[in-house]
N, C-alpha and C. Protein backbone atom coordinates (compact mmCIF):
# COMPACT_ATOMS: atom_id res chain seq x y z
N LYS A 1 89.98 84.37 106.99
CA LYS A 1 89.32 85.51 106.59
C LYS A 1 88.05 85.09 105.83
N ASP A 2 86.78 85.57 106.18
CA ASP A 2 85.62 85.26 105.50
C ASP A 2 85.37 86.28 104.43
N VAL A 3 85.25 85.89 103.20
CA VAL A 3 84.95 86.85 102.10
C VAL A 3 83.61 86.40 101.64
N SER A 4 82.60 87.25 101.84
CA SER A 4 81.17 86.89 101.54
C SER A 4 80.86 86.90 100.05
N LEU A 5 81.75 87.57 99.28
CA LEU A 5 81.51 87.63 97.82
C LEU A 5 82.49 86.76 97.12
N ASN A 6 81.98 85.84 96.31
CA ASN A 6 82.90 84.96 95.57
C ASN A 6 82.53 85.01 94.13
N LEU A 7 83.30 85.62 93.25
CA LEU A 7 82.98 85.74 91.85
C LEU A 7 83.32 84.43 91.12
N ASN A 8 83.84 83.44 91.78
CA ASN A 8 83.90 82.05 91.34
C ASN A 8 84.31 81.85 89.81
N GLY A 9 85.48 82.37 89.52
CA GLY A 9 85.96 82.14 88.13
C GLY A 9 85.46 83.13 87.04
N SER A 10 84.79 84.23 87.50
CA SER A 10 84.36 85.28 86.47
C SER A 10 85.55 85.88 85.88
N HIS A 11 85.39 86.36 84.70
CA HIS A 11 86.59 86.98 84.02
C HIS A 11 86.20 88.39 83.55
N PHE A 12 87.02 89.41 83.90
CA PHE A 12 86.65 90.85 83.66
C PHE A 12 87.70 91.45 82.74
N GLN A 13 87.21 92.40 81.90
CA GLN A 13 88.11 93.33 81.11
C GLN A 13 88.22 94.58 82.03
N VAL A 14 89.36 94.97 82.40
CA VAL A 14 89.61 96.04 83.30
C VAL A 14 90.39 97.17 82.60
N GLY A 15 89.67 98.30 82.45
CA GLY A 15 90.20 99.51 81.69
C GLY A 15 91.26 100.25 82.59
N VAL A 16 92.33 100.65 81.93
CA VAL A 16 93.35 101.35 82.67
C VAL A 16 93.84 102.53 81.78
N LEU A 17 94.36 103.55 82.45
CA LEU A 17 94.94 104.71 81.78
C LEU A 17 96.19 105.03 82.59
N MET A 18 97.30 105.39 81.92
CA MET A 18 98.53 105.56 82.63
C MET A 18 98.48 106.97 83.38
N GLU A 19 98.70 106.75 84.72
CA GLU A 19 98.89 107.90 85.56
C GLU A 19 99.65 107.45 86.88
N THR A 20 100.88 107.89 87.01
CA THR A 20 101.70 107.54 88.07
C THR A 20 101.11 108.22 89.37
N PRO A 21 100.96 107.54 90.44
CA PRO A 21 101.38 106.18 90.90
C PRO A 21 100.32 105.12 90.66
N PHE A 22 99.15 105.40 90.06
CA PHE A 22 98.03 104.55 89.98
C PHE A 22 98.20 103.46 89.03
N VAL A 23 98.59 103.70 87.72
CA VAL A 23 98.85 102.77 86.73
C VAL A 23 100.02 103.20 85.99
N ILE A 24 101.05 102.27 85.92
CA ILE A 24 102.32 102.55 85.23
C ILE A 24 102.63 101.41 84.37
N LYS A 25 102.96 101.66 83.12
CA LYS A 25 103.29 100.57 82.16
C LYS A 25 104.75 100.23 82.54
N ASP A 26 104.90 98.89 82.65
CA ASP A 26 106.23 98.32 83.11
C ASP A 26 106.71 97.28 82.23
N GLU A 27 107.00 97.67 80.97
CA GLU A 27 107.40 96.73 79.93
C GLU A 27 108.91 96.23 80.15
N ALA A 28 109.68 96.93 80.93
CA ALA A 28 110.98 96.46 81.18
C ALA A 28 111.09 95.22 81.86
N ASN A 29 110.10 95.00 82.84
CA ASN A 29 110.13 93.77 83.68
C ASN A 29 109.06 92.74 83.22
N CYS A 30 108.79 92.77 81.83
CA CYS A 30 107.77 91.88 81.39
C CYS A 30 108.26 91.31 80.05
N THR A 31 107.74 90.17 79.75
CA THR A 31 107.96 89.60 78.40
C THR A 31 106.59 89.23 77.76
N GLY A 32 106.46 89.36 76.49
CA GLY A 32 105.17 88.98 75.75
C GLY A 32 104.23 90.23 75.71
N THR A 33 103.34 90.28 76.67
CA THR A 33 102.33 91.30 76.60
C THR A 33 102.64 92.50 77.47
N PRO A 34 102.05 93.65 77.29
CA PRO A 34 102.44 94.80 78.23
C PRO A 34 102.08 94.44 79.63
N CYS A 35 102.97 94.92 80.49
CA CYS A 35 102.70 94.68 81.93
C CYS A 35 102.51 96.03 82.61
N TYR A 36 101.83 96.01 83.71
CA TYR A 36 101.52 97.23 84.52
C TYR A 36 101.78 97.04 85.95
N ARG A 37 102.08 98.15 86.58
CA ARG A 37 102.19 98.18 88.13
C ARG A 37 101.55 99.44 88.50
N GLY A 38 101.45 99.55 89.86
CA GLY A 38 100.91 100.71 90.45
C GLY A 38 99.67 100.40 91.41
N TYR A 39 99.30 101.39 92.11
CA TYR A 39 98.28 101.34 93.12
C TYR A 39 96.97 100.60 92.58
N CYS A 40 96.44 101.07 91.45
CA CYS A 40 95.17 100.51 91.00
C CYS A 40 95.35 98.99 90.47
N VAL A 41 96.62 98.79 89.97
CA VAL A 41 96.91 97.46 89.53
C VAL A 41 97.06 96.47 90.63
N ASP A 42 97.63 96.93 91.79
CA ASP A 42 97.78 96.15 93.01
C ASP A 42 96.37 95.87 93.60
N LEU A 43 95.52 96.89 93.50
CA LEU A 43 94.21 96.72 94.05
C LEU A 43 93.30 95.83 93.36
N ILE A 44 93.48 95.78 92.07
CA ILE A 44 92.65 94.81 91.21
C ILE A 44 93.20 93.34 91.42
N ALA A 45 94.59 93.27 91.49
CA ALA A 45 95.17 91.96 91.73
C ALA A 45 94.77 91.31 93.03
N ARG A 46 94.70 92.17 94.11
CA ARG A 46 94.25 91.75 95.41
C ARG A 46 92.75 91.37 95.44
N LEU A 47 91.85 92.16 94.72
CA LEU A 47 90.48 91.77 94.66
C LEU A 47 90.29 90.52 93.94
N ALA A 48 91.03 90.42 92.82
CA ALA A 48 91.00 89.06 92.06
C ALA A 48 91.28 87.90 92.86
N ARG A 49 92.38 87.96 93.66
CA ARG A 49 92.70 86.94 94.53
C ARG A 49 91.72 86.64 95.60
N ASP A 50 91.24 87.62 96.21
CA ASP A 50 90.29 87.45 97.36
C ASP A 50 88.91 87.02 96.89
N LEU A 51 88.49 87.48 95.73
CA LEU A 51 87.12 87.23 95.19
C LEU A 51 87.02 86.26 94.15
N HIS A 52 88.22 85.60 93.83
CA HIS A 52 88.34 84.52 92.94
C HIS A 52 87.85 84.84 91.46
N PHE A 53 88.41 85.89 90.87
CA PHE A 53 88.14 86.19 89.47
C PHE A 53 89.41 86.39 88.71
N THR A 54 89.39 86.35 87.41
CA THR A 54 90.55 86.60 86.56
C THR A 54 90.22 87.89 85.79
N TYR A 55 91.21 88.47 85.12
CA TYR A 55 91.06 89.76 84.43
C TYR A 55 92.13 89.97 83.45
N ASN A 56 91.83 90.86 82.46
CA ASN A 56 92.83 91.39 81.46
C ASN A 56 92.85 92.90 81.72
N LEU A 57 93.96 93.54 81.68
CA LEU A 57 94.04 95.00 81.74
C LEU A 57 94.00 95.44 80.23
N VAL A 58 93.14 96.40 80.04
CA VAL A 58 92.96 97.02 78.72
C VAL A 58 93.10 98.53 78.72
N GLU A 59 94.03 98.99 77.88
CA GLU A 59 94.19 100.46 77.87
C GLU A 59 92.99 101.14 77.21
N SER A 60 92.78 102.40 77.53
CA SER A 60 91.76 103.23 77.03
C SER A 60 91.97 103.26 75.48
N ASP A 61 90.77 103.15 74.73
CA ASP A 61 90.82 103.11 73.29
C ASP A 61 91.54 104.39 72.73
N ASP A 62 91.22 105.55 73.32
CA ASP A 62 91.68 106.85 72.87
C ASP A 62 92.60 107.66 73.81
N GLY A 63 92.98 106.92 74.85
CA GLY A 63 93.91 107.58 75.74
C GLY A 63 93.16 108.70 76.66
N LYS A 64 91.91 108.61 76.79
CA LYS A 64 91.17 109.58 77.48
C LYS A 64 90.43 108.96 78.69
N TRP A 65 90.18 109.78 79.64
CA TRP A 65 89.42 109.35 80.85
C TRP A 65 87.98 109.11 80.60
N GLY A 66 87.34 110.10 80.00
CA GLY A 66 85.91 110.01 79.71
C GLY A 66 85.29 111.41 79.74
N GLY A 67 85.14 112.09 78.63
CA GLY A 67 84.50 113.36 78.54
C GLY A 67 83.30 113.24 77.78
N TYR A 68 82.39 114.17 78.09
CA TYR A 68 81.06 114.21 77.49
C TYR A 68 81.06 115.36 76.40
N ASP A 69 80.52 115.06 75.20
CA ASP A 69 80.33 116.06 74.15
C ASP A 69 78.82 116.41 74.02
N ASN A 70 78.42 117.63 74.54
CA ASN A 70 77.07 118.02 74.53
C ASN A 70 76.47 118.07 73.03
N LYS A 71 77.27 118.37 72.05
CA LYS A 71 76.80 118.53 70.73
C LYS A 71 76.33 117.22 70.06
N THR A 72 77.17 116.15 70.40
CA THR A 72 76.92 114.83 69.75
C THR A 72 76.27 113.85 70.82
N ASP A 73 76.12 114.34 72.05
CA ASP A 73 75.50 113.51 73.05
C ASP A 73 76.30 112.18 73.20
N THR A 74 77.66 112.26 73.17
CA THR A 74 78.43 110.98 73.25
C THR A 74 79.58 111.19 74.30
N TRP A 75 80.03 110.09 74.76
CA TRP A 75 81.22 110.03 75.62
C TRP A 75 82.43 109.56 74.90
N ASP A 76 83.61 109.78 75.41
CA ASP A 76 84.81 109.19 74.88
C ASP A 76 85.55 108.45 76.12
N GLY A 77 86.73 107.95 75.84
CA GLY A 77 87.60 107.39 76.87
C GLY A 77 87.05 106.13 77.55
N LEU A 78 87.45 106.02 78.83
CA LEU A 78 87.05 104.80 79.51
C LEU A 78 85.59 104.84 79.93
N VAL A 79 84.96 106.05 80.03
CA VAL A 79 83.54 106.04 80.26
C VAL A 79 82.79 105.50 79.12
N LYS A 80 83.09 105.81 77.84
CA LYS A 80 82.58 105.18 76.65
C LYS A 80 82.74 103.71 76.66
N MET A 81 83.91 103.27 77.02
CA MET A 81 84.27 101.85 77.02
C MET A 81 83.36 101.12 78.01
N LEU A 82 83.04 101.69 79.17
CA LEU A 82 82.16 101.14 80.11
C LEU A 82 80.73 101.12 79.59
N ILE A 83 80.30 102.24 79.03
CA ILE A 83 78.91 102.38 78.47
C ILE A 83 78.77 101.28 77.39
N ASP A 84 79.74 101.24 76.53
CA ASP A 84 79.77 100.24 75.36
C ASP A 84 80.04 98.82 75.76
N LYS A 85 80.21 98.51 77.06
CA LYS A 85 80.52 97.23 77.58
C LYS A 85 81.83 96.57 76.95
N LYS A 86 82.78 97.46 76.56
CA LYS A 86 84.07 96.93 76.17
C LYS A 86 84.94 96.56 77.35
N ILE A 87 84.63 97.19 78.47
CA ILE A 87 85.25 96.87 79.67
C ILE A 87 84.18 96.81 80.81
N ASP A 88 84.58 95.95 81.81
CA ASP A 88 83.66 95.79 82.92
C ASP A 88 83.89 96.70 83.99
N ILE A 89 85.18 97.09 84.19
CA ILE A 89 85.70 97.91 85.41
C ILE A 89 86.72 98.85 84.89
N ALA A 90 86.70 100.06 85.39
CA ALA A 90 87.79 100.94 85.15
C ALA A 90 88.63 101.08 86.42
N ALA A 91 89.83 100.59 86.40
CA ALA A 91 90.64 100.67 87.62
C ALA A 91 91.71 101.76 87.52
N VAL A 92 91.14 103.00 87.64
CA VAL A 92 91.97 104.28 87.48
C VAL A 92 91.54 105.27 88.51
N HIS A 93 92.23 106.37 88.51
CA HIS A 93 92.02 107.44 89.46
C HIS A 93 91.04 108.44 88.66
N LEU A 94 89.75 107.99 88.55
CA LEU A 94 88.83 108.76 87.80
C LEU A 94 87.97 109.67 88.70
N SER A 95 87.84 110.92 88.31
CA SER A 95 87.11 111.83 89.06
C SER A 95 85.57 111.55 89.00
N ILE A 96 85.01 111.61 90.19
CA ILE A 96 83.52 111.31 90.29
C ILE A 96 82.82 112.68 90.07
N ASN A 97 81.86 112.75 89.13
CA ASN A 97 81.14 113.93 89.04
C ASN A 97 79.63 113.59 88.71
N SER A 98 78.81 114.51 88.89
CA SER A 98 77.32 114.12 88.72
C SER A 98 76.94 113.67 87.34
N LEU A 99 77.57 114.25 86.26
CA LEU A 99 77.24 113.73 84.95
C LEU A 99 77.71 112.29 84.75
N ARG A 100 78.96 112.01 85.09
CA ARG A 100 79.47 110.66 84.97
C ARG A 100 78.60 109.72 85.78
N GLU A 101 78.14 110.12 87.03
CA GLU A 101 77.34 109.15 87.83
C GLU A 101 75.92 108.84 87.20
N ARG A 102 75.56 109.67 86.31
CA ARG A 102 74.26 109.29 85.60
C ARG A 102 74.43 108.12 84.62
N TYR A 103 75.71 107.84 84.24
CA TYR A 103 75.95 106.79 83.24
C TYR A 103 76.70 105.62 83.80
N ILE A 104 77.58 105.83 84.82
CA ILE A 104 78.28 104.68 85.36
C ILE A 104 78.25 104.70 86.88
N ASP A 105 78.50 103.54 87.40
CA ASP A 105 78.59 103.46 88.85
C ASP A 105 80.00 103.56 89.45
N PHE A 106 80.13 104.20 90.61
CA PHE A 106 81.45 104.37 91.22
C PHE A 106 81.45 103.70 92.50
N THR A 107 82.71 103.39 92.98
CA THR A 107 82.85 102.94 94.41
C THR A 107 83.27 104.02 95.20
N VAL A 108 83.21 103.95 96.53
CA VAL A 108 83.79 104.93 97.45
C VAL A 108 85.26 104.89 97.15
N PRO A 109 85.90 106.12 96.97
CA PRO A 109 87.36 106.16 96.73
C PRO A 109 88.07 105.43 97.94
N SER A 110 89.01 104.57 97.55
CA SER A 110 89.73 103.74 98.56
C SER A 110 90.45 104.56 99.52
N TRP A 111 90.89 105.67 99.33
CA TRP A 111 91.68 106.58 100.27
C TRP A 111 90.67 107.15 101.34
N MET A 112 89.40 107.03 101.14
CA MET A 112 88.44 107.61 102.08
C MET A 112 88.04 106.42 103.04
N LEU A 113 88.42 105.20 102.73
CA LEU A 113 88.12 104.10 103.60
C LEU A 113 88.97 103.89 104.76
N ALA A 114 90.12 104.40 104.73
CA ALA A 114 91.16 104.26 105.73
C ALA A 114 90.90 104.87 107.04
């Protein structure tokens, strides 16, 4: 299999937020640090293997996806973490809307690729 992109040892902080079946905290089957499973976790693991990068999963600072406050002109949640460069990638089931697209980049939803 020819993979044209090789991230050659890059390390990423990957933001997650619990939502079954996409990201599920799985502490029962883990020792030490929190462990996760689910569709988005499997997808990141596969990308890391194929593209040769490592990553840490990081939960949303405030447990939110990313809402915009017009009064303060600020974001919260994973969107804020992306803007503030606390995470490099958000591996979640995050709705795409025109306001978020002004601030962060999205991929084509994976279920649309099949």
